């Protein structure tokens, strides 16, 4: 269990699962820098108080992993108006959810489903890592709708490049579950729960399974030789990885 959740979690009033990956130790004794990479859910419900805090974070890039129709329906949120560069990198393309269900079955969140994201080709990950490697695009915020599945896979890839061990990667993924009850309370009070969906239903839907990231990483090992081998195979070169490490890791 990661003990410093309160240090990395930003409990915005109208945005959930917003946290910093700073402070994680790497397997060679390094440490991830604070205030460089934030992961979150949608930001379009932020309050004025939220916006004041958001401005203080100095975010320069917004990587939106939602499909274009999701982004259009929900809204981009406030970061573009605050000067951040907006990048829509749809990990699951239009129609991709149905394709995923045909590929892996309609079984909900799972490591197998996460592996299915890779079936849509390497372009999303290539674009993402180009941004990670660009120092003038930092700090960045990466998000999808809930900040748990697409964002979780992207974060696992980055932490792997930074040399963070599997135990921490899996624990970071599970931190999503720490903010679920607060999110569902917000939705219930605002009358935003979907019709026919109870608070208990939403708590289940908004969380992540205990084994999904573990199974995803196991799948990467079995099918590609690991996260780094997959990334190197799609052109995330040692030079790109070195530039990412320079930006995201503390200098000793």
Protein backbone atom coordinates (compact mmCIF):
# COMPACT_ATOMS: atom_id res chain seq x y z
CA UNK A 1 0.00 0.00 0.00
CA UNK A 2 1.22 3.52 -0.83
CA UNK A 3 1.20 5.42 2.44
CA UNK A 4 1.35 9.03 1.21
CA UNK A 5 -1.97 9.14 -0.67
CA UNK A 6 -2.88 12.45 0.96
CA UNK A 7 0.35 14.00 -0.37
CA UNK A 8 -0.31 13.01 -3.96
CA UNK A 9 -4.10 13.27 -4.09
CA UNK A 10 -5.68 16.61 -4.98
CA UNK A 11 -9.28 16.54 -3.70
CA UNK A 12 -10.86 19.04 -6.07
CA UNK A 13 -14.54 19.74 -5.45
CA UNK A 14 -15.66 18.85 -8.97
CA UNK A 15 -12.86 16.66 -10.33
CA UNK A 16 -11.93 13.24 -9.03
CA UNK A 17 -9.03 10.81 -9.05
CA UNK A 18 -6.63 13.73 -9.56
CA UNK A 19 -3.18 12.85 -8.29
CA UNK A 20 0.56 13.27 -8.73
CA UNK A 21 2.93 10.35 -9.43
CA UNK A 22 5.83 12.16 -7.78
CA UNK A 23 7.89 10.55 -5.06
CA UNK A 24 7.87 6.99 -6.34
CA UNK A 25 11.24 5.28 -6.03
CA UNK A 26 12.85 3.59 -8.99
CA UNK A 27 14.51 0.22 -8.80
CA UNK A 28 17.96 1.80 -9.25
CA UNK A 29 17.53 4.19 -6.34
CA UNK A 30 16.11 7.22 -8.15
CA UNK A 31 12.88 9.04 -7.45
CA UNK A 32 10.11 10.47 -9.63
CA UNK A 33 9.86 14.26 -9.44
CA UNK A 34 6.79 15.87 -7.94
CA UNK A 35 4.64 18.25 -9.96
CA UNK A 36 5.54 16.90 -13.40
CA UNK A 37 2.82 14.37 -14.20
CA UNK A 38 -0.74 14.54 -12.95
CA UNK A 39 -3.38 11.93 -13.71
CA UNK A 40 -7.10 12.55 -13.34
CA UNK A 41 -10.66 12.14 -14.49
CA UNK A 42 -12.70 14.71 -16.44
CA UNK A 43 -12.37 18.35 -15.35
CA UNK A 44 -15.47 19.99 -16.81
CA UNK A 45 -17.29 20.08 -13.45
CA UNK A 46 -14.59 22.03 -11.63
CA UNK A 47 -15.69 24.86 -9.34
CA UNK A 48 -14.23 28.36 -9.13
CA UNK A 49 -12.28 27.27 -6.06
CA UNK A 50 -10.92 24.34 -8.10
CA UNK A 51 -9.84 26.68 -10.88
CA UNK A 52 -7.84 28.83 -8.49
CA UNK A 53 -5.90 25.79 -7.33
CA UNK A 54 -5.54 24.42 -10.87
CA UNK A 55 -3.94 27.66 -12.06
CA UNK A 56 -1.30 27.40 -9.35
CA UNK A 57 -0.13 24.04 -10.73
CA UNK A 58 1.21 25.56 -13.95
CA UNK A 59 0.06 22.73 -16.22
CA UNK A 60 1.32 23.23 -19.78
CA UNK A 61 -0.10 20.17 -21.56
CA UNK A 62 -3.43 18.36 -21.38
CA UNK A 63 -3.40 14.85 -22.83
CA UNK A 64 -7.00 13.76 -23.29
CA UNK A 65 -7.30 10.01 -23.90
CA UNK A 66 -11.05 10.08 -24.58
CA UNK A 67 -12.63 9.51 -27.96
CA UNK A 68 -13.45 12.78 -29.76
CA UNK A 69 -17.18 12.21 -29.22
CA UNK A 70 -16.62 11.76 -25.46
CA UNK A 71 -14.57 14.95 -25.30
CA UNK A 72 -17.21 16.84 -27.27
CA UNK A 73 -20.08 15.60 -25.11
CA UNK A 74 -18.35 16.16 -21.76
CA UNK A 75 -16.26 19.18 -22.66
CA UNK A 76 -12.51 19.65 -22.55
CA UNK A 77 -12.48 21.33 -19.17
CA UNK A 78 -10.74 24.60 -18.28
CA UNK A 79 -7.07 23.95 -19.07
CA UNK A 80 -7.08 25.23 -22.65
CA UNK A 81 -8.43 28.57 -21.45
CA UNK A 82 -5.57 28.65 -18.94
CA UNK A 83 -2.98 28.30 -21.71
CA UNK A 84 -2.30 24.55 -21.70
CA UNK A 85 -1.75 22.81 -25.03
CA UNK A 86 -4.55 20.37 -25.75
CA UNK A 87 -3.80 16.94 -27.24
CA UNK A 88 -6.64 14.54 -27.97
CA UNK A 89 -5.06 11.09 -28.19
CA UNK A 90 -7.88 8.56 -28.34
CA UNK A 91 -6.57 5.27 -26.97
CA UNK A 92 -9.89 3.68 -27.99
CA UNK A 93 -11.03 5.06 -31.38
CA UNK A 94 -14.59 5.64 -32.49
CA UNK A 95 -16.34 2.28 -32.48
CA UNK A 96 -13.46 0.78 -30.55
CA UNK A 97 -15.48 -0.23 -27.49
CA UNK A 98 -17.53 -2.63 -29.58
CA UNK A 99 -14.37 -3.97 -31.19
CA UNK A 100 -12.84 -4.54 -27.77
CA UNK A 101 -15.90 -6.48 -26.65
CA UNK A 102 -15.67 -8.68 -29.74
CA UNK A 103 -11.96 -9.21 -29.13
CA UNK A 104 -11.91 -9.94 -25.39
CA UNK A 105 -15.57 -10.41 -24.46
CA UNK A 106 -17.88 -8.03 -22.67
CA UNK A 107 -16.46 -8.77 -19.24
CA UNK A 108 -15.86 -5.24 -17.95
CA UNK A 109 -12.56 -3.91 -16.71
CA UNK A 110 -9.75 -6.44 -16.91
CA UNK A 111 -6.10 -6.82 -17.75
CA UNK A 112 -7.16 -8.62 -20.91
CA UNK A 113 -9.24 -5.64 -21.96
CA UNK A 114 -6.30 -3.32 -21.32
CA UNK A 115 -4.14 -5.48 -23.57
CA UNK A 116 -6.84 -5.07 -26.18
CA UNK A 117 -6.07 -1.34 -26.30
CA UNK A 118 -2.83 -2.26 -28.07
CA UNK A 119 -4.78 -3.86 -30.92
CA UNK A 120 -5.67 -0.38 -32.20
CA UNK A 121 -2.07 0.22 -33.20
CA UNK A 122 0.90 2.12 -31.81
CA UNK A 123 0.11 5.69 -32.86
CA UNK A 124 -1.53 6.74 -29.59
CA UNK A 125 1.41 5.57 -27.52
CA UNK A 126 3.94 7.07 -29.94
CA UNK A 127 2.26 10.49 -29.78
CA UNK A 128 1.96 10.26 -26.01
CA UNK A 129 5.64 9.49 -25.49
CA UNK A 130 6.68 12.29 -27.82
CA UNK A 131 4.90 14.65 -25.42
CA UNK A 132 6.41 12.97 -22.37
CA UNK A 133 9.85 13.51 -23.90
CA UNK A 134 9.27 17.21 -24.57
CA UNK A 135 10.48 19.15 -21.52
CA UNK A 136 8.71 22.34 -22.59
CA UNK A 137 5.35 20.51 -22.37
CA UNK A 138 5.69 19.86 -18.64
CA UNK A 139 4.01 19.77 -16.20
CA UNK A 140 1.25 17.77 -17.87
CA UNK A 141 -2.15 16.40 -17.00
CA UNK A 142 -3.23 13.11 -18.57
CA UNK A 143 -6.80 11.95 -18.25
CA UNK A 144 -9.75 10.07 -19.67
CA UNK A 145 -13.29 10.20 -18.27
CA UNK A 146 -12.71 8.53 -14.90
CA UNK A 147 -8.90 8.60 -14.91
CA UNK A 148 -8.56 4.91 -14.21
CA UNK A 149 -8.42 2.62 -17.27
CA UNK A 150 -6.87 4.38 -20.26
CA UNK A 151 -5.07 6.73 -17.89
CA UNK A 152 -3.98 3.77 -15.76
CA UNK A 153 -2.40 1.97 -18.72
CA UNK A 154 -0.63 5.13 -19.92
CA UNK A 155 0.73 5.74 -16.43
CA UNK A 156 1.91 2.15 -16.09
CA UNK A 157 3.86 2.53 -19.33
CA UNK A 158 5.50 5.76 -18.18
CA UNK A 159 6.39 4.40 -14.74
CA UNK A 160 7.92 1.35 -16.42
CA UNK A 161 10.16 3.60 -18.53
CA UNK A 162 11.16 5.51 -15.40
CA UNK A 163 12.25 2.27 -13.75
CA UNK A 164 9.53 2.08 -11.10
CA UNK A 165 8.87 -1.49 -9.97
CA UNK A 166 5.71 -3.48 -10.59
CA UNK A 167 4.58 -3.44 -6.98
CA UNK A 168 4.41 0.36 -7.00
CA UNK A 169 2.82 0.51 -10.47
CA UNK A 170 0.05 -1.82 -9.34
CA UNK A 171 -0.41 0.08 -6.07
CA UNK A 172 -0.64 3.41 -7.89
CA UNK A 173 -3.34 1.98 -10.15
CA UNK A 174 -5.38 0.85 -7.14
CA UNK A 175 -5.33 4.33 -5.59
CA UNK A 176 -8.29 5.08 -7.86
CA UNK A 177 -10.45 3.19 -5.39
CA UNK A 178 -9.55 5.65 -2.62
CA UNK A 179 -11.53 8.48 -4.26
CA UNK A 180 -14.57 6.55 -5.50
CA UNK A 181 -16.90 7.13 -2.56
CA UNK A 182 -16.31 10.89 -2.64
CA UNK A 183 -17.02 10.95 -6.37
CA UNK A 184 -20.24 8.98 -6.07
CA UNK A 185 -21.44 11.21 -3.22
CA UNK A 186 -20.87 14.23 -5.48
CA UNK A 187 -22.81 12.66 -8.36
CA UNK A 188 -25.68 11.61 -6.11
CA UNK A 189 -26.03 15.05 -4.49
CA UNK A 190 -25.88 16.76 -7.89
CA UNK A 191 -28.49 14.44 -9.39
CA UNK A 192 -25.98 13.16 -11.93
CA UNK A 193 -26.30 9.42 -11.39
CA UNK A 194 -27.55 7.76 -14.61
CA UNK A 195 -31.18 6.73 -14.56
CA UNK A 196 -31.64 3.36 -12.88
CA UNK A 197 -28.12 3.36 -11.42
CA UNK A 198 -27.82 3.34 -7.62
CA UNK A 199 -24.97 4.76 -5.61
CA UNK A 200 -23.78 1.22 -4.86
CA UNK A 201 -23.85 0.41 -8.58
CA UNK A 202 -21.78 3.48 -9.34
CA UNK A 203 -19.25 2.72 -6.60
CA UNK A 204 -18.67 -0.65 -8.24
CA UNK A 205 -18.46 0.87 -11.74
CA UNK A 206 -16.15 3.73 -10.76
CA UNK A 207 -13.56 1.55 -9.06
CA UNK A 208 -10.94 -0.79 -10.49
CA UNK A 209 -10.47 -4.53 -9.90
CA UNK A 210 -7.67 -5.65 -7.62
CA UNK A 211 -5.96 -7.78 -10.28
CA UNK A 212 -6.48 -5.86 -13.54
CA UNK A 213 -3.13 -4.05 -13.67
CA UNK A 214 -1.29 -7.15 -12.44
CA UNK A 215 -2.90 -9.18 -15.24
CA UNK A 216 -2.12 -6.47 -17.81
CA UNK A 217 1.56 -6.43 -16.88
CA UNK A 218 1.65 -10.23 -16.91
CA UNK A 219 0.11 -10.12 -20.38
CA UNK A 220 2.76 -7.67 -21.58
CA UNK A 221 5.44 -10.03 -20.29
CA UNK A 222 3.89 -13.03 -22.03
CA UNK A 223 3.07 -11.38 -25.38
CA UNK A 224 5.82 -8.77 -25.81
CA UNK A 225 8.54 -9.53 -23.29
CA UNK A 226 7.40 -6.73 -20.99
CA UNK A 227 6.32 -3.10 -21.12
CA UNK A 228 9.72 -1.80 -22.22
CA UNK A 229 10.03 -4.37 -24.99
CA UNK A 230 6.59 -3.41 -26.30
CA UNK A 231 7.45 0.29 -26.28
CA UNK A 232 10.84 -0.21 -27.89
CA UNK A 233 9.14 -2.33 -30.53
CA UNK A 234 6.89 0.58 -31.53
CA UNK A 235 9.74 3.08 -31.70
CA UNK A 236 10.06 4.46 -28.18
CA UNK A 237 13.82 4.47 -28.48
CA UNK A 238 16.49 4.55 -25.80
CA UNK A 239 17.06 8.22 -26.68
CA UNK A 240 13.40 9.06 -26.08
CA UNK A 241 13.45 7.13 -22.82
CA UNK A 242 16.59 8.96 -21.71
CA UNK A 243 14.98 12.35 -22.35
CA UNK A 244 11.91 11.27 -20.38
CA UNK A 245 14.05 10.17 -17.45
CA UNK A 246 15.93 13.48 -17.53
CA UNK A 247 12.65 15.38 -17.17
CA UNK A 248 10.80 13.14 -14.75
CA UNK A 249 13.47 11.86 -12.37
CA UNK A 250 15.23 13.77 -9.62
CA UNK A 251 18.89 14.38 -10.18
CA UNK A 252 21.14 12.94 -7.47
